[in-house]
């Protein structure tokens, strides 16, 4: 009876065997990768180096702080400014969001002795990636929503574009130039409030951020550095430092988008995730068109007279 059953029992086809073998190999590879990622989590991270705590000759090399879960966090110290002075180290910081801040990162933030943490993100951005910070931080949390939903949100418009899958008429450079022009016009009240926070700090450390720490954060850094007398080429160089950091932080999303939506969507998102010199140049060109020159913008739009500018330079330069 057993021999009879063996004769009629259907045999697996060769292609089935190959599929099953391939499936088993894939599961094995997945298990190995999962084990590797698990082990990586237990590998201690290198301690965060704070430029202001290092010898002066080493600070510039560590301008980008090596946080575990915070991207593009930079110290603006050391830049040459007005009167042969330099921006103080450990005073002005710019960053991406704090949505993946580790406990160790939070301890480092405490070491910075911050006066305030300024968040330029819209309500939608904060809901999607809420900052992970202590319930009662030792510093002020200041929210200055810029490009929010009621004001033609960049965040919401980008999401809508990619959900529709229609990129044929979408030019990321045109889009970002328009956004930077808006920074210099529509959102002047927000950046005036930001400068107000810097003044209130009276030389105490402040960090400001948006989502990737490159556009709103970049414009805020640019106008502040220009007020301090930092040369335009140095300001632009600092602005462009965000390109590699921002792209590296979103590499997973770019890879997934390339697989799901194709090269066109991924290539255009890659442009949006970077920074380009014409974007910031468009903002300063708009300031010149609206106010005649940057000094008038500082006086009329940002509300700073010569005394206030002198105080800022005295507090933030050495």
Protein backbone atom coordinates (compact mmCIF):
# COMPACT_ATOMS: atom_id res chain seq x y z
CA UNK A 1 0.00 0.00 0.00
CA UNK A 2 2.79 2.30 0.84
CA UNK A 3 4.57 1.51 -2.41
CA UNK A 4 1.35 2.26 -4.34
CA UNK A 5 1.08 5.68 -2.66
CA UNK A 6 4.64 6.43 -3.57
CA UNK A 7 3.95 5.76 -7.20
CA UNK A 8 1.02 8.19 -7.55
CA UNK A 9 2.16 10.91 -5.16
CA UNK A 10 2.80 14.09 -7.27
CA UNK A 11 6.44 15.13 -7.49
CA UNK A 12 7.59 18.74 -7.05
CA UNK A 13 8.52 20.40 -10.29
CA UNK A 14 12.07 21.71 -10.66
CA UNK A 15 10.95 25.38 -10.81
CA UNK A 16 9.08 24.97 -7.52
CA UNK A 17 12.26 23.68 -5.92
CA UNK A 18 14.19 26.67 -7.21
CA UNK A 19 11.59 29.13 -5.90
CA UNK A 20 11.53 27.51 -2.49
CA UNK A 21 15.31 27.45 -2.37
CA UNK A 22 15.49 31.12 -3.33
CA UNK A 23 12.83 31.98 -0.75
CA UNK A 24 14.79 30.20 1.97
CA UNK A 25 17.94 32.07 0.97
CA UNK A 26 16.10 35.39 1.12
CA UNK A 27 14.77 34.62 4.58
CA UNK A 28 18.27 33.61 5.66
CA UNK A 29 19.69 36.88 4.30
CA UNK A 30 16.93 38.84 6.06
CA UNK A 31 17.66 37.08 9.34
CA UNK A 32 21.38 37.83 9.02
CA UNK A 33 20.70 41.51 8.30
CA UNK A 34 18.30 41.72 11.23
CA UNK A 35 20.97 40.22 13.48
CA UNK A 36 23.58 42.66 12.20
CA UNK A 37 21.30 45.68 12.84
CA UNK A 38 20.50 44.33 16.30
CA UNK A 39 24.19 43.99 17.13
CA UNK A 40 24.92 47.47 15.75
CA UNK A 41 22.47 48.94 18.26
CA UNK A 42 24.66 47.65 21.07
CA UNK A 43 27.85 49.12 19.65
CA UNK A 44 28.54 52.28 21.64
CA UNK A 45 28.55 55.48 19.57
CA UNK A 46 31.54 57.75 19.54
CA UNK A 47 31.18 60.55 22.11
CA UNK A 48 29.82 63.80 20.72
CA UNK A 49 32.59 66.33 20.28
CA UNK A 50 31.57 69.89 21.14
CA UNK A 51 33.77 72.36 19.23
CA UNK A 52 33.79 74.93 22.03
CA UNK A 53 35.30 72.33 24.37
CA UNK A 54 38.14 71.47 21.96
CA UNK A 55 41.46 73.26 21.45
CA UNK A 56 40.96 76.22 19.05
CA UNK A 57 42.93 74.60 16.23
CA UNK A 58 40.61 71.54 16.24
CA UNK A 59 37.22 73.27 16.32
CA UNK A 60 36.60 73.91 12.62
CA UNK A 61 37.20 70.23 11.79
CA UNK A 62 34.40 69.30 14.19
CA UNK A 63 31.94 72.03 13.24
CA UNK A 64 29.36 69.32 12.44
CA UNK A 65 28.51 67.69 15.78
CA UNK A 66 28.28 63.89 15.64
CA UNK A 67 24.96 63.35 17.41
CA UNK A 68 23.40 59.88 17.34
CA UNK A 69 19.96 60.96 16.13
CA UNK A 70 20.24 64.63 15.12
CA UNK A 71 21.37 65.50 11.61
CA UNK A 72 23.11 68.60 10.27
CA UNK A 73 23.77 70.10 13.73
CA UNK A 74 26.49 72.71 13.23
CA UNK A 75 28.31 75.33 15.26
CA UNK A 76 28.63 78.66 13.41
CA UNK A 77 31.66 79.68 15.43
CA UNK A 78 34.99 80.73 13.96
CA UNK A 79 33.72 82.60 10.91
CA UNK A 80 35.50 85.89 10.26
CA UNK A 81 33.22 88.86 10.86
CA UNK A 82 33.15 92.64 11.29
CA UNK A 83 36.16 94.47 12.66
CA UNK A 84 38.53 91.53 12.32
CA UNK A 85 36.60 89.58 14.96
CA UNK A 86 35.15 86.06 14.68
CA UNK A 87 31.83 84.46 15.58
CA UNK A 88 32.08 82.92 19.05
CA UNK A 89 32.16 79.15 19.28
CA UNK A 90 29.41 77.47 21.30
CA UNK A 91 26.91 80.28 20.82
CA UNK A 92 25.05 79.90 17.51
CA UNK A 93 23.88 76.48 16.36
CA UNK A 94 21.79 75.38 13.37
CA UNK A 95 20.25 71.95 12.95
CA UNK A 96 17.75 69.57 11.40
CA UNK A 97 14.82 68.34 13.50
CA UNK A 98 15.06 66.45 16.81
CA UNK A 99 12.58 63.68 15.99
CA UNK A 100 15.09 60.87 16.63
CA UNK A 101 17.00 62.39 19.52
CA UNK A 102 18.52 59.71 21.74
CA UNK A 103 18.84 60.01 25.51
CA UNK A 104 22.55 60.56 25.01
CA UNK A 105 21.79 63.36 22.54
CA UNK A 106 19.55 65.04 25.10
CA UNK A 107 22.38 64.94 27.62
CA UNK A 108 24.68 66.61 25.10
CA UNK A 109 22.08 69.34 24.51
CA UNK A 110 22.14 70.00 28.25
CA UNK A 111 25.92 70.40 28.05
CA UNK A 112 25.47 73.18 25.48
CA UNK A 113 23.75 75.39 28.11
CA UNK A 114 21.18 76.56 25.58
CA UNK A 115 19.04 79.60 26.16
CA UNK A 116 16.49 78.59 23.52
CA UNK A 117 15.64 76.02 20.85
CA UNK A 118 13.75 77.61 17.92
CA UNK A 119 11.53 75.43 15.70
CA UNK A 120 10.61 76.87 12.28
CA UNK A 121 8.50 73.87 11.19
CA UNK A 122 4.84 73.94 10.22
CA UNK A 123 2.14 72.20 12.26
CA UNK A 124 2.01 69.34 9.75
CA UNK A 125 5.75 68.77 9.96
CA UNK A 126 5.72 68.76 13.76
CA UNK A 127 2.81 66.29 13.80
CA UNK A 128 4.62 63.96 11.41
CA UNK A 129 8.00 64.11 13.16
CA UNK A 130 7.58 65.43 16.72
CA UNK A 131 10.76 66.46 18.48
CA UNK A 132 11.99 64.07 21.16
CA UNK A 133 13.05 66.37 23.98
CA UNK A 134 12.78 66.30 27.77
CA UNK A 135 9.37 67.17 29.21
CA UNK A 136 10.90 70.07 31.10
CA UNK A 137 14.04 71.14 29.23
CA UNK A 138 16.44 73.61 30.79
CA UNK A 139 16.02 75.87 27.74
CA UNK A 140 13.13 77.75 26.12
CA UNK A 141 11.20 76.05 23.33
CA UNK A 142 10.21 78.71 20.79
CA UNK A 143 7.89 77.80 17.92
CA UNK A 144 7.97 80.11 14.88
CA UNK A 145 5.94 78.29 12.19
CA UNK A 146 7.22 79.32 8.77
CA UNK A 147 5.70 78.12 5.48
CA UNK A 148 2.74 76.80 7.49
CA UNK A 149 -0.53 75.50 6.03
CA UNK A 150 -2.25 78.83 5.90
CA UNK A 151 0.67 80.30 3.99
CA UNK A 152 1.19 77.92 1.06
CA UNK A 153 2.96 75.20 3.03
CA UNK A 154 6.03 73.85 1.26
CA UNK A 155 5.64 70.61 3.19
CA UNK A 156 2.02 70.03 2.15
CA UNK A 157 2.60 71.00 -1.46
CA UNK A 158 5.53 68.63 -1.81
CA UNK A 159 3.50 65.77 -0.31
CA UNK A 160 0.63 66.47 -2.72
CA UNK A 161 3.00 66.45 -5.69
CA UNK A 162 4.46 63.09 -4.81
CA UNK A 163 1.11 61.53 -3.93
CA UNK A 164 -0.30 62.54 -7.33
CA UNK A 165 2.79 61.21 -9.08
CA UNK A 166 2.74 64.10 -11.55
CA UNK A 167 6.24 65.53 -11.95
CA UNK A 168 6.28 66.53 -15.60
CA UNK A 169 5.58 70.21 -14.88
CA UNK A 170 7.34 70.37 -11.51
CA UNK A 171 10.68 72.20 -11.44
CA UNK A 172 12.26 71.88 -7.96
CA UNK A 173 14.65 74.79 -8.59
CA UNK A 174 11.79 77.15 -9.48
CA UNK A 175 9.87 75.89 -6.47
CA UNK A 176 12.73 76.51 -4.03
CA UNK A 177 13.61 79.90 -5.49
CA UNK A 178 9.99 80.94 -4.91
CA UNK A 179 10.18 79.64 -1.34
CA UNK A 180 13.35 81.62 -0.62
CA UNK A 181 11.80 84.76 -2.07
CA UNK A 182 8.92 84.22 0.35
CA UNK A 183 11.38 84.03 3.25
CA UNK A 184 12.45 87.58 2.40
CA UNK A 185 8.90 88.93 1.99
CA UNK A 186 5.88 87.00 3.24
CA UNK A 187 7.65 85.54 6.26
CA UNK A 188 9.53 88.61 7.41
CA UNK A 189 7.58 88.66 10.73
CA UNK A 190 8.82 85.16 11.51
CA UNK A 191 12.46 85.98 10.90
CA UNK A 192 12.10 89.23 12.82
CA UNK A 193 10.84 87.13 15.76
CA UNK A 194 13.84 84.83 15.35
CA UNK A 195 16.25 87.78 15.56
CA UNK A 196 14.33 88.88 18.64
CA UNK A 197 15.08 85.55 20.32
CA UNK A 198 18.79 85.96 19.52
CA UNK A 199 18.71 89.43 21.09
CA UNK A 200 16.89 88.14 24.18
CA UNK A 201 19.56 85.47 24.63
CA UNK A 202 22.19 88.20 25.18
CA UNK A 203 25.01 85.99 23.96
CA UNK A 204 23.74 82.75 25.49
CA UNK A 205 23.65 79.75 23.11
CA UNK A 206 20.68 79.32 20.76
CA UNK A 207 19.89 76.53 18.29
CA UNK A 208 17.34 76.89 15.49
CA UNK A 209 16.01 74.25 13.14
CA UNK A 210 13.37 73.25 10.59
CA UNK A 211 12.98 69.75 9.11
CA UNK A 212 16.29 69.23 7.31
CA UNK A 213 18.05 72.29 8.72
CA UNK A 214 18.81 73.78 5.33
CA UNK A 215 16.17 76.17 3.91
CA UNK A 216 14.38 78.15 6.62
CA UNK A 217 17.27 77.39 8.96
CA UNK A 218 19.73 78.33 6.23
CA UNK A 219 18.09 81.67 5.53
CA UNK A 220 17.95 82.46 9.26
CA UNK A 221 21.66 81.66 9.60
CA UNK A 222 22.49 83.73 6.51
CA UNK A 223 20.78 86.93 7.64
CA UNK A 224 22.21 86.62 11.15
CA UNK A 225 25.75 86.06 9.88
CA UNK A 226 25.38 88.99 7.51
CA UNK A 227 24.25 91.23 10.38
CA UNK A 228 27.42 90.16 12.20
CA UNK A 229 29.52 91.23 9.23
CA UNK A 230 30.48 87.78 7.93
CA UNK A 231 31.49 88.01 4.22
CA UNK A 232 28.97 86.82 1.62
CA UNK A 233 31.22 84.05 0.30
CA UNK A 234 31.61 82.60 3.79
CA UNK A 235 27.85 82.78 4.33
CA UNK A 236 27.26 80.93 1.07
CA UNK A 237 29.86 78.29 1.93
CA UNK A 238 28.12 77.64 5.24
CA UNK A 239 24.75 77.45 3.46
CA UNK A 240 26.05 74.85 1.00
CA UNK A 241 27.46 72.68 3.79
CA UNK A 242 23.92 71.39 4.34
CA UNK A 243 23.74 69.61 0.98
CA UNK A 244 25.58 66.40 1.87
CA UNK A 245 24.17 66.17 5.38
CA UNK A 246 20.58 66.63 4.27
CA UNK A 247 20.84 64.09 1.45
CA UNK A 248 22.54 61.52 3.68
CA UNK A 249 19.80 61.88 6.30
CA UNK A 250 17.06 61.09 3.76
CA UNK A 251 18.84 58.39 1.76
CA UNK A 252 16.37 55.69 2.80
CA UNK A 253 13.40 57.76 1.63
CA UNK A 254 15.15 58.49 -1.67
CA UNK A 255 15.87 54.82 -2.29
CA UNK A 256 12.29 53.82 -1.47
CA UNK A 257 10.87 56.56 -3.69
CA UNK A 258 13.11 55.46 -6.56
CA UNK A 259 11.75 51.93 -6.24
CA UNK A 260 8.11 52.98 -5.85
CA UNK A 261 7.80 56.02 -8.14
CA UNK A 262 10.78 55.84 -10.47
CA UNK A 263 13.88 57.90 -11.24
CA UNK A 264 12.09 61.15 -12.13
CA UNK A 265 10.43 61.46 -8.73
CA UNK A 266 13.61 60.47 -6.87
CA UNK A 267 15.84 62.83 -8.85
CA UNK A 268 13.53 65.79 -8.22
CA UNK A 269 13.23 64.96 -4.55
CA UNK A 270 17.03 64.76 -4.34
CA UNK A 271 17.22 68.34 -5.61
CA UNK A 272 14.65 69.46 -3.04
CA UNK A 273 16.58 67.72 -0.27
CA UNK A 274 19.80 69.52 -1.15
CA UNK A 275 20.63 73.21 -1.39
CA UNK A 276 21.72 75.31 -4.34
CA UNK A 277 23.43 78.71 -4.35
CA UNK A 278 20.76 80.36 -6.59
CA UNK A 279 18.13 79.69 -3.93
CA UNK A 280 19.80 81.82 -1.26
CA UNK A 281 20.89 84.35 -3.89
CA UNK A 282 17.21 84.74 -4.85
CA UNK A 283 16.35 85.63 -1.25
CA UNK A 284 19.01 88.36 -1.06
CA UNK A 285 18.08 89.66 -4.53
CA UNK A 286 14.49 89.98 -3.32
CA UNK A 287 15.65 91.90 -0.25
CA UNK A 288 17.52 94.33 -2.50
CA UNK A 289 14.47 94.73 -4.75
CA UNK A 290 12.09 95.32 -1.83
CA UNK A 291 14.29 97.47 0.41
CA UNK A 292 17.07 98.81 -1.79
CA UNK A 293 19.81 97.07 0.20
CA UNK A 294 20.38 94.70 3.10
CA UNK A 295 21.03 97.46 5.65
CA UNK A 296 17.58 98.92 5.04
CA UNK A 297 16.04 95.45 5.36
CA UNK A 298 17.75 95.00 8.71
CA UNK A 299 16.51 98.37 9.92
CA UNK A 300 12.95 98.37 8.54
CA UNK A 301 12.04 94.67 8.31
CA UNK A 302 13.99 93.22 11.22
CA UNK A 303 13.73 96.28 13.45
CA UNK A 304 17.42 96.67 14.29
CA UNK A 305 19.07 100.05 14.64
CA UNK A 306 22.79 100.66 14.90
CA UNK A 307 22.72 100.26 18.68
CA UNK A 308 21.01 96.86 18.45
CA UNK A 309 23.46 95.71 15.77
CA UNK A 310 26.37 96.83 17.92
CA UNK A 311 24.97 94.88 20.88
CA UNK A 312 24.59 91.72 18.80
CA UNK A 313 28.15 91.98 17.55
CA UNK A 314 29.48 92.61 21.05
CA UNK A 315 27.64 89.54 22.37
CA UNK A 316 28.30 87.12 19.50
CA UNK A 317 31.77 88.07 18.25
CA UNK A 318 35.20 87.69 19.80
